[in-house]
C-alpha atoms as a PDB file:
ATOM      1  CA  MET A   1      -9.820  50.405 -36.673  1.00  0.00           C
ATOM      2  CA  VAL A   2      -9.531  52.848 -33.802  1.00  0.00           C
ATOM      3  CA  PRO A   3      -8.873  51.015 -30.506  1.00  0.00           C
ATOM      4  CA  VAL A   4     -11.160  51.999 -27.624  1.00  0.00           C
ATOM      5  CA  SER A   5     -11.900  50.531 -24.203  1.00  0.00           C
ATOM      6  CA  ILE A   6     -15.298  49.015 -23.475  1.00  0.00           C
ATOM      7  CA  GLU A   7     -16.037  51.747 -20.932  1.00  0.00           C
ATOM      8  CA  LYS A   8     -15.075  54.580 -23.292  1.00  0.00           C
ATOM      9  CA  PHE A   9     -17.087  53.141 -26.175  1.00  0.00           C
ATOM     10  CA  ALA A  10     -20.106  52.641 -23.923  1.00  0.00           C
ATOM     11  CA  THR A  11     -19.874  56.249 -22.736  1.00  0.00           C
ATOM     12  CA  LEU A  12     -19.634  57.549 -26.322  1.00  0.00           C
ATOM     13  CA  HIS A  13     -22.513  55.344 -27.457  1.00  0.00           C
ATOM     14  CA  MET A  14     -24.742  56.487 -24.597  1.00  0.00           C
ATOM     15  CA  LYS A  15     -24.283  60.149 -25.596  1.00  0.00           C
ATOM     16  CA  HIS A  16     -26.157  59.412 -28.832  1.00  0.00           C
ATOM     17  CA  ASN A  17     -28.428  56.677 -27.458  1.00  0.00           C
ATOM     18  CA  PRO A  18     -29.426  57.851 -23.965  1.00  0.00           C
ATOM     19  CA  LYS A  19     -32.488  55.600 -23.740  1.00  0.00           C
ATOM     20  CA  GLU A  20     -30.415  52.433 -24.031  1.00  0.00           C
ATOM     21  CA  SER A  21     -29.085  50.599 -20.992  1.00  0.00           C
ATOM     22  CA  LYS A  22     -25.355  51.177 -20.482  1.00  0.00           C
ATOM     23  CA  LYS A  23     -25.196  48.045 -18.322  1.00  0.00           C
ATOM     24  CA  ASN A  24     -26.715  45.917 -21.100  1.00  0.00           C
ATOM     25  CA  LEU A  25     -24.401  47.474 -23.693  1.00  0.00           C
ATOM     26  CA  ILE A  26     -21.318  46.708 -21.594  1.00  0.00           C
ATOM     27  CA  GLU A  27     -22.504  43.117 -21.102  1.00  0.00           C
ATOM     28  CA  SER A  28     -23.024  42.766 -24.870  1.00  0.00           C
ATOM     29  CA  LEU A  29     -19.598  44.248 -25.595  1.00  0.00           C
ATOM     30  CA  GLU A  30     -17.939  41.892 -23.107  1.00  0.00           C
ATOM     31  CA  ALA A  31     -19.723  38.908 -24.679  1.00  0.00           C
ATOM     32  CA  ALA A  32     -18.709  39.992 -28.192  1.00  0.00           C
ATOM     33  CA  VAL A  33     -15.076  40.461 -27.126  1.00  0.00           C
ATOM     34  CA  SER A  34     -15.085  36.999 -25.582  1.00  0.00           C
ATOM     35  CA  ALA A  35     -16.615  35.529 -28.734  1.00  0.00           C
ATOM     36  CA  LYS A  36     -14.002  37.215 -30.931  1.00  0.00           C
ATOM     37  CA  GLU A  37     -11.191  36.023 -28.652  1.00  0.00           C
ATOM     38  CA  ASN A  38     -12.598  32.512 -29.031  1.00  0.00           C
ATOM     39  CA  GLY A  39     -12.554  32.702 -32.829  1.00  0.00           C
ATOM     40  CA  ALA A  40     -16.149  33.656 -33.659  1.00  0.00           C
ATOM     41  CA  CYS A  41     -16.667  34.335 -37.342  1.00  0.00           C
ATOM     42  CA  CYS A  42     -19.169  36.331 -39.353  1.00  0.00           C
ATOM     43  CA  GLY A  43     -22.331  34.345 -40.039  1.00  0.00           C
ATOM     44  CA  GLN A  44     -22.369  35.571 -43.648  1.00  0.00           C
ATOM     45  CA  CYS A  45     -18.787  35.452 -44.911  1.00  0.00           C
ATOM     46  CA  GLY A  46     -16.690  33.646 -42.290  1.00  0.00           C
ATOM     47  CA  GLN A  47     -14.345  36.559 -41.497  1.00  0.00           C
ATOM     48  CA  PRO A  48     -13.552  37.419 -37.851  1.00  0.00           C
ATOM     49  CA  ILE A  49     -16.353  39.354 -36.178  1.00  0.00           C
ATOM     50  CA  TRP A  50     -16.346  43.071 -35.415  1.00  0.00           C
ATOM     51  CA  ALA A  51     -16.943  43.108 -31.650  1.00  0.00           C
ATOM     52  CA  VAL A  52     -18.525  46.583 -31.543  1.00  0.00           C
ATOM     53  CA  GLY A  53     -20.943  45.822 -34.373  1.00  0.00           C
ATOM     54  CA  THR A  54     -21.741  42.369 -33.065  1.00  0.00           C
ATOM     55  CA  ALA A  55     -22.586  43.771 -29.633  1.00  0.00           C
ATOM     56  CA  ILE A  56     -24.948  46.366 -31.069  1.00  0.00           C
ATOM     57  CA  ALA A  57     -26.531  44.227 -33.794  1.00  0.00           C
ATOM     58  CA  GLY A  58     -26.868  41.140 -31.632  1.00  0.00           C
ATOM     59  CA  TRP A  59     -25.452  38.685 -34.159  1.00  0.00           C
ATOM     60  CA  ASN A  60     -21.958  37.659 -35.260  1.00  0.00           C
ATOM     61  CA  SER A  61     -20.906  39.878 -38.140  1.00  0.00           C
ATOM     62  CA  CYS A  62     -17.766  41.383 -39.595  1.00  0.00           C
ATOM     63  CA  PHE A  63     -17.515  45.110 -40.309  1.00  0.00           C
ATOM     64  CA  THR A  64     -18.108  44.793 -44.048  1.00  0.00           C
ATOM     65  CA  CYS A  65     -21.171  42.556 -43.821  1.00  0.00           C
ATOM     66  CA  LEU A  66     -22.735  44.722 -41.135  1.00  0.00           C
ATOM     67  CA  THR A  67     -22.066  48.128 -42.702  1.00  0.00           C
ATOM     68  CA  GLY A  68     -21.601  47.377 -46.392  1.00  0.00           C
ATOM     69  CA  GLU A  69     -18.327  49.319 -46.279  1.00  0.00           C
ATOM     70  CA  ALA A  70     -14.767  48.067 -46.767  1.00  0.00           C
ATOM     71  CA  ASP A  71     -12.814  50.895 -45.110  1.00  0.00           C
ATOM     72  CA  HIS A  72     -12.956  50.630 -41.335  1.00  0.00           C
ATOM     73  CA  SER A  73      -9.952  52.847 -40.584  1.00  0.00           C
ATOM     74  CA  ASP A  74     -12.054  55.473 -38.757  1.00  0.00           C
ATOM     75  CA  ASP A  75     -14.356  53.089 -36.887  1.00  0.00           C
ATOM     76  CA  TYR A  76     -14.046  51.873 -33.318  1.00  0.00           C
ATOM     77  CA  GLU A  77     -13.104  48.388 -32.167  1.00  0.00           C
ATOM     78  CA  ILE A  78     -12.582  47.262 -28.599  1.00  0.00           C
ATOM     79  CA  ASP A  79      -8.887  47.529 -27.768  1.00  0.00           C
ATOM     80  CA  GLN A  80      -8.676  43.986 -26.359  1.00  0.00           C
ATOM     81  CA  VAL A  81      -9.385  42.537 -29.812  1.00  0.00           C
ATOM     82  CA  CYS A  82      -8.277  45.315 -32.150  1.00  0.00           C
END
């Protein structure tokens, strides 16, 4: 995973999703980071959640269950939990 701050990820996300609320995204990212720090696991397989994906999808999921991919080396994760 590529570590990124909440603010930087939100800014990047908003470039491609300008109609979304940056404030709501940041709140969702903060909640997902907190959940991951507190041991939240994927609702499908039990692995640790992917904070970025969880914040966007709105449910606790790991990278693989959310994307169907195994290689996450080029994907972002919030630096606090990376």
